[in-house]
């Protein structure tokens, strides 16, 4: 059984802010992903996966 990684609240706040500012096109460029990763102290893969999940969990119900 693998442990689910729960991201820090500060990191998810930064990512959600970006997501809601770009509702019409919620796909960050590679540069934006790198910038967000640096800003949140997450890896680029974590940022990438967060956006994949967020588009499913947050945006699809809307």
PDB file of N, CA and C in Angstrom:
ATOM      1  N   UNK A   1       0.848  -1.189   0.000  1.00  0.00           N
ATOM      2  CA  UNK A   1       0.000   0.000   0.000  1.00  0.00           C
ATOM      3  C   UNK A   1       0.889   1.246   0.000  1.00  0.00           C
ATOM      4  N   UNK A   2       0.621   2.161  -0.932  1.00  0.00           N
ATOM      5  CA  UNK A   2       1.455   3.357  -0.964  1.00  0.00           C
ATOM      6  C   UNK A   2       0.791   4.486  -0.185  1.00  0.00           C
ATOM      7  N   UNK A   3       1.641   5.334   0.394  1.00  0.00           N
ATOM      8  CA  UNK A   3       1.137   6.454   1.189  1.00  0.00           C
ATOM      9  C   UNK A   3       0.744   7.601   0.262  1.00  0.00           C
ATOM     10  N   UNK A   4      -0.444   8.124   0.471  1.00  0.00           N
ATOM     11  CA  UNK A   4      -0.890   9.263  -0.330  1.00  0.00           C
ATOM     12  C   UNK A   4      -0.151  10.502   0.133  1.00  0.00           C
ATOM     13  N   UNK A   5       0.421  11.239  -0.812  1.00  0.00           N
ATOM     14  CA  UNK A   5       1.101  12.471  -0.454  1.00  0.00           C
ATOM     15  C   UNK A   5       0.097  13.608  -0.389  1.00  0.00           C
ATOM     16  N   UNK A   6      -0.026  14.212   0.775  1.00  0.00           N
ATOM     17  CA  UNK A   6      -0.899  15.373   0.897  1.00  0.00           C
ATOM     18  C   UNK A   6      -0.004  16.602   0.798  1.00  0.00           C
ATOM     19  N   UNK A   7      -0.283  17.437  -0.181  1.00  0.00           N
ATOM     20  CA  UNK A   7       0.576  18.590  -0.417  1.00  0.00           C
ATOM     21  C   UNK A   7       0.325  19.676   0.630  1.00  0.00           C
ATOM     22  N   UNK A   8       1.343  20.476   0.914  1.00  0.00           N
ATOM     23  CA  UNK A   8       1.177  21.563   1.885  1.00  0.00           C
ATOM     24  C   UNK A   8       0.082  22.545   1.451  1.00  0.00           C
ATOM     25  N   UNK A   9      -0.652  23.080   2.438  1.00  0.00           N
ATOM     26  CA  UNK A   9      -1.745  24.004   2.133  1.00  0.00           C
ATOM     27  C   UNK A   9      -1.280  25.216   1.329  1.00  0.00           C
ATOM     28  N   UNK A  10      -0.105  25.723   1.672  1.00  0.00           N
ATOM     29  CA  UNK A  10       0.423  26.890   0.952  1.00  0.00           C
ATOM     30  C   UNK A  10       0.628  26.565  -0.530  1.00  0.00           C
ATOM     31  N   UNK A  11       1.124  25.374  -0.808  1.00  0.00           N
ATOM     32  CA  UNK A  11       1.366  24.956  -2.196  1.00  0.00           C
ATOM     33  C   UNK A  11       0.046  24.834  -2.959  1.00  0.00           C
ATOM     34  N   UNK A  12      -0.950  24.193  -2.340  1.00  0.00           N
ATOM     35  CA  UNK A  12      -2.230  24.034  -3.041  1.00  0.00           C
ATOM     36  C   UNK A  12      -2.910  25.381  -3.230  1.00  0.00           C
ATOM     37  N   UNK A  13      -2.693  26.307  -2.305  1.00  0.00           N
ATOM     38  CA  UNK A  13      -3.279  27.644  -2.450  1.00  0.00           C
ATOM     39  C   UNK A  13      -2.706  28.336  -3.689  1.00  0.00           C
ATOM     40  N   UNK A  14      -1.404  28.238  -3.881  1.00  0.00           N
ATOM     41  CA  UNK A  14      -0.748  28.842  -5.052  1.00  0.00           C
ATOM     42  C   UNK A  14      -1.268  28.197  -6.342  1.00  0.00           C
ATOM     43  N   UNK A  15      -1.369  26.872  -6.349  1.00  0.00           N
ATOM     44  CA  UNK A  15      -1.820  26.161  -7.547  1.00  0.00           C
ATOM     45  C   UNK A  15      -3.285  26.468  -7.861  1.00  0.00           C
ATOM     46  N   UNK A  16      -4.136  26.513  -6.824  1.00  0.00           N
ATOM     47  CA  UNK A  16      -5.557  26.835  -7.039  1.00  0.00           C
ATOM     48  C   UNK A  16      -5.719  28.256  -7.555  1.00  0.00           C
ATOM     49  N   UNK A  17      -4.916  29.180  -7.036  1.00  0.00           N
ATOM     50  CA  UNK A  17      -4.977  30.567  -7.499  1.00  0.00           C
ATOM     51  C   UNK A  17      -4.686  30.619  -8.996  1.00  0.00           C
ATOM     52  N   UNK A  18      -3.639  29.910  -9.421  1.00  0.00           N
ATOM     53  CA  UNK A  18      -3.306  29.882 -10.859  1.00  0.00           C
ATOM     54  C   UNK A  18      -4.460  29.270 -11.651  1.00  0.00           C
ATOM     55  N   UNK A  19      -4.997  28.161 -11.136  1.00  0.00           N
ATOM     56  CA  UNK A  19      -6.069  27.446 -11.832  1.00  0.00           C
ATOM     57  C   UNK A  19      -7.284  28.345 -12.062  1.00  0.00           C
ATOM     58  N   UNK A  20      -7.705  29.064 -11.017  1.00  0.00           N
ATOM     59  CA  UNK A  20      -8.908  29.885 -11.141  1.00  0.00           C
ATOM     60  C   UNK A  20      -8.681  31.142 -11.971  1.00  0.00           C
ATOM     61  N   UNK A  21      -7.430  31.584 -12.070  1.00  0.00           N
ATOM     62  CA  UNK A  21      -7.122  32.736 -12.944  1.00  0.00           C
ATOM     63  C   UNK A  21      -7.118  32.324 -14.415  1.00  0.00           C
ATOM     64  N   UNK A  22      -6.974  31.017 -14.676  1.00  0.00           N
ATOM     65  CA  UNK A  22      -6.876  30.519 -16.052  1.00  0.00           C
ATOM     66  C   UNK A  22      -7.965  29.493 -16.344  1.00  0.00           C
ATOM     67  N   UNK A  23      -9.192  29.787 -15.894  1.00  0.00           N
ATOM     68  CA  UNK A  23     -10.289  28.828 -16.046  1.00  0.00           C
ATOM     69  C   UNK A  23     -10.569  28.449 -17.500  1.00  0.00           C
ATOM     70  N   UNK A  24     -10.412  29.399 -18.408  1.00  0.00           N
ATOM     71  CA  UNK A  24     -10.734  29.118 -19.803  1.00  0.00           C
ATOM     72  C   UNK A  24      -9.709  28.196 -20.461  1.00  0.00           C
ATOM     73  N   UNK A  25      -8.478  28.226 -19.962  1.00  0.00           N
ATOM     74  CA  UNK A  25      -7.427  27.355 -20.503  1.00  0.00           C
ATOM     75  C   UNK A  25      -6.529  26.910 -19.340  1.00  0.00           C
ATOM     76  N   UNK A  26      -6.987  25.905 -18.565  1.00  0.00           N
ATOM     77  CA  UNK A  26      -6.257  25.516 -17.343  1.00  0.00           C
ATOM     78  C   UNK A  26      -5.063  24.594 -17.593  1.00  0.00           C
ATOM     79  N   UNK A  27      -4.254  24.958 -18.591  1.00  0.00           N
ATOM     80  CA  UNK A  27      -3.092  24.139 -18.936  1.00  0.00           C
ATOM     81  C   UNK A  27      -1.832  24.999 -18.898  1.00  0.00           C
ATOM     82  N   UNK A  28      -1.081  24.950 -17.788  1.00  0.00           N
ATOM     83  CA  UNK A  28       0.136  25.757 -17.709  1.00  0.00           C
ATOM     84  C   UNK A  28       1.206  25.265 -18.692  1.00  0.00           C
ATOM     85  N   UNK A  29       1.979  26.218 -19.216  1.00  0.00           N
ATOM     86  CA  UNK A  29       3.093  25.851 -20.093  1.00  0.00           C
ATOM     87  C   UNK A  29       4.187  25.197 -19.248  1.00  0.00           C
ATOM     88  N   UNK A  30       5.182  24.644 -19.919  1.00  0.00           N
ATOM     89  CA  UNK A  30       6.288  24.013 -19.191  1.00  0.00           C
ATOM     90  C   UNK A  30       6.994  25.039 -18.298  1.00  0.00           C
ATOM     91  N   UNK A  31       7.148  26.280 -18.818  1.00  0.00           N
ATOM     92  CA  UNK A  31       7.802  27.331 -18.025  1.00  0.00           C
ATOM     93  C   UNK A  31       6.962  27.668 -16.792  1.00  0.00           C
ATOM     94  N   UNK A  32       5.646  27.749 -16.989  1.00  0.00           N
ATOM     95  CA  UNK A  32       4.759  28.055 -15.861  1.00  0.00           C
ATOM     96  C   UNK A  32       4.793  26.937 -14.824  1.00  0.00           C
ATOM     97  N   UNK A  33       4.838  25.698 -15.287  1.00  0.00           N
ATOM     98  CA  UNK A  33       4.924  24.566 -14.356  1.00  0.00           C
ATOM     99  C   UNK A  33       6.215  24.626 -13.550  1.00  0.00           C
ATOM    100  N   UNK A  34       7.316  24.944 -14.233  1.00  0.00           N
ATOM    101  CA  UNK A  34       8.606  25.035 -13.541  1.00  0.00           C
ATOM    102  C   UNK A  34       8.583  26.161 -12.512  1.00  0.00           C
ATOM    103  N   UNK A  35       8.011  27.293 -12.914  1.00  0.00           N
ATOM    104  CA  UNK A  35       7.891  28.434 -12.012  1.00  0.00           C
ATOM    105  C   UNK A  35       7.031  28.084 -10.798  1.00  0.00           C
ATOM    106  N   UNK A  36       5.903  27.427 -11.033  1.00  0.00           N
ATOM    107  CA  UNK A  36       5.021  27.018  -9.933  1.00  0.00           C
ATOM    108  C   UNK A  36       5.729  26.007  -9.025  1.00  0.00           C
ATOM    109  N   UNK A  37       6.482  25.084  -9.621  1.00  0.00           N
ATOM    110  CA  UNK A  37       7.214  24.091  -8.834  1.00  0.00           C
ATOM    111  C   UNK A  37       8.245  24.784  -7.934  1.00  0.00           C
ATOM    112  N   UNK A  38       8.969  25.760  -8.495  1.00  0.00           N
ATOM    113  CA  UNK A  38       9.960  26.491  -7.700  1.00  0.00           C
ATOM    114  C   UNK A  38       9.269  27.259  -6.573  1.00  0.00           C
ATOM    115  N   UNK A  39       8.161  27.885  -6.902  1.00  0.00           N
ATOM    116  CA  UNK A  39       7.438  28.729  -5.947  1.00  0.00           C
ATOM    117  C   UNK A  39       6.838  27.919  -4.795  1.00  0.00           C
ATOM    118  N   UNK A  40       6.422  26.671  -5.080  1.00  0.00           N
ATOM    119  CA  UNK A  40       5.743  25.851  -4.073  1.00  0.00           C
ATOM    120  C   UNK A  40       6.646  24.802  -3.430  1.00  0.00           C
ATOM    121  N   UNK A  41       7.908  24.729  -3.871  1.00  0.00           N
ATOM    122  CA  UNK A  41       8.850  23.708  -3.387  1.00  0.00           C
ATOM    123  C   UNK A  41       8.360  22.285  -3.677  1.00  0.00           C
ATOM    124  N   UNK A  42       7.634  22.126  -4.789  1.00  0.00           N
ATOM    125  CA  UNK A  42       7.212  20.795  -5.231  1.00  0.00           C
ATOM    126  C   UNK A  42       8.036  20.436  -6.466  1.00  0.00           C
ATOM    127  N   UNK A  43       7.975  19.166  -6.849  1.00  0.00           N
ATOM    128  CA  UNK A  43       8.656  18.776  -8.088  1.00  0.00           C
ATOM    129  C   UNK A  43       7.750  19.111  -9.267  1.00  0.00           C
ATOM    130  N   UNK A  44       8.332  19.186 -10.455  1.00  0.00           N
ATOM    131  CA  UNK A  44       7.547  19.464 -11.659  1.00  0.00           C
ATOM    132  C   UNK A  44       6.506  18.357 -11.861  1.00  0.00           C
ATOM    133  N   UNK A  45       6.868  17.133 -11.527  1.00  0.00           N
ATOM    134  CA  UNK A  45       5.931  16.007 -11.659  1.00  0.00           C
ATOM    135  C   UNK A  45       4.729  16.181 -10.720  1.00  0.00           C
ATOM    136  N   UNK A  46       4.984  16.625  -9.497  1.00  0.00           N
ATOM    137  CA  UNK A  46       3.882  16.857  -8.547  1.00  0.00           C
ATOM    138  C   UNK A  46       2.939  17.940  -9.057  1.00  0.00           C
ATOM    139  N   UNK A  47       3.515  19.009  -9.597  1.00  0.00           N
ATOM    140  CA  UNK A  47       2.700  20.103 -10.145  1.00  0.00           C
ATOM    141  C   UNK A  47       1.877  19.573 -11.314  1.00  0.00           C
ATOM    142  N   UNK A  48       2.526  18.841 -12.194  1.00  0.00           N
ATOM    143  CA  UNK A  48       1.851  18.271 -13.358  1.00  0.00           C
ATOM    144  C   UNK A  48       0.676  17.389 -12.926  1.00  0.00           C
ATOM    145  N   UNK A  49       0.921  16.477 -11.994  1.00  0.00           N
ATOM    146  CA  UNK A  49      -0.125  15.577 -11.512  1.00  0.00           C
ATOM    147  C   UNK A  49      -1.238  16.337 -10.806  1.00  0.00           C
ATOM    148  N   UNK A  50      -0.876  17.382 -10.047  1.00  0.00           N
ATOM    149  CA  UNK A  50      -1.892  18.176  -9.360  1.00  0.00           C
ATOM    150  C   UNK A  50      -2.855  18.791 -10.372  1.00  0.00           C
ATOM    151  N   UNK A  51      -2.325  19.320 -11.473  1.00  0.00           N
ATOM    152  CA  UNK A  51      -3.193  19.929 -12.490  1.00  0.00           C
ATOM    153  C   UNK A  51      -4.070  18.883 -13.181  1.00  0.00           C
ATOM    154  N   UNK A  52      -3.524  17.706 -13.450  1.00  0.00           N
ATOM    155  CA  UNK A  52      -4.320  16.633 -14.053  1.00  0.00           C
ATOM    156  C   UNK A  52      -5.507  16.305 -13.144  1.00  0.00           C
ATOM    157  N   UNK A  53      -5.218  16.126 -11.853  1.00  0.00           N
ATOM    158  CA  UNK A  53      -6.277  15.794 -10.899  1.00  0.00           C
ATOM    159  C   UNK A  53      -7.241  16.954 -10.690  1.00  0.00           C
ATOM    160  N   UNK A  54      -6.725  18.166 -10.630  1.00  0.00           N
ATOM    161  CA  UNK A  54      -7.572  19.333 -10.381  1.00  0.00           C
ATOM    162  C   UNK A  54      -8.559  19.550 -11.522  1.00  0.00           C
ATOM    163  N   UNK A  55      -8.105  19.349 -12.753  1.00  0.00           N
ATOM    164  CA  UNK A  55      -9.020  19.509 -13.899  1.00  0.00           C
ATOM    165  C   UNK A  55     -10.158  18.499 -13.798  1.00  0.00           C
ATOM    166  N   UNK A  56      -9.854  17.295 -13.294  1.00  0.00           N
ATOM    167  CA  UNK A  56     -10.902  16.276 -13.114  1.00  0.00           C
ATOM    168  C   UNK A  56     -11.798  16.582 -11.920  1.00  0.00           C
ATOM    169  N   UNK A  57     -11.184  16.872 -10.776  1.00  0.00           N
ATOM    170  CA  UNK A  57     -11.928  16.959  -9.528  1.00  0.00           C
ATOM    171  C   UNK A  57     -12.574  18.329  -9.303  1.00  0.00           C
ATOM    172  N   UNK A  58     -11.893  19.405  -9.735  1.00  0.00           N
ATOM    173  CA  UNK A  58     -12.386  20.748  -9.449  1.00  0.00           C
ATOM    174  C   UNK A  58     -13.165  21.304 -10.636  1.00  0.00           C
ATOM    175  N   UNK A  59     -12.615  21.200 -11.843  1.00  0.00           N
ATOM    176  CA  UNK A  59     -13.235  21.862 -12.991  1.00  0.00           C
ATOM    177  C   UNK A  59     -14.370  21.074 -13.627  1.00  0.00           C
ATOM    178  N   UNK A  60     -14.277  19.757 -13.676  1.00  0.00           N
ATOM    179  CA  UNK A  60     -15.346  18.989 -14.323  1.00  0.00           C
ATOM    180  C   UNK A  60     -16.704  19.162 -13.642  1.00  0.00           C
ATOM    181  N   UNK A  61     -16.778  19.153 -12.301  1.00  0.00           N
ATOM    182  CA  UNK A  61     -18.100  19.388 -11.677  1.00  0.00           C
ATOM    183  C   UNK A  61     -18.690  20.757 -12.020  1.00  0.00           C
ATOM    184  N   UNK A  62     -17.826  21.744 -12.249  1.00  0.00           N
ATOM    185  CA  UNK A  62     -18.299  23.084 -12.639  1.00  0.00           C
ATOM    186  C   UNK A  62     -18.790  22.986 -14.063  1.00  0.00           C
TER     187      UNK A  62
END
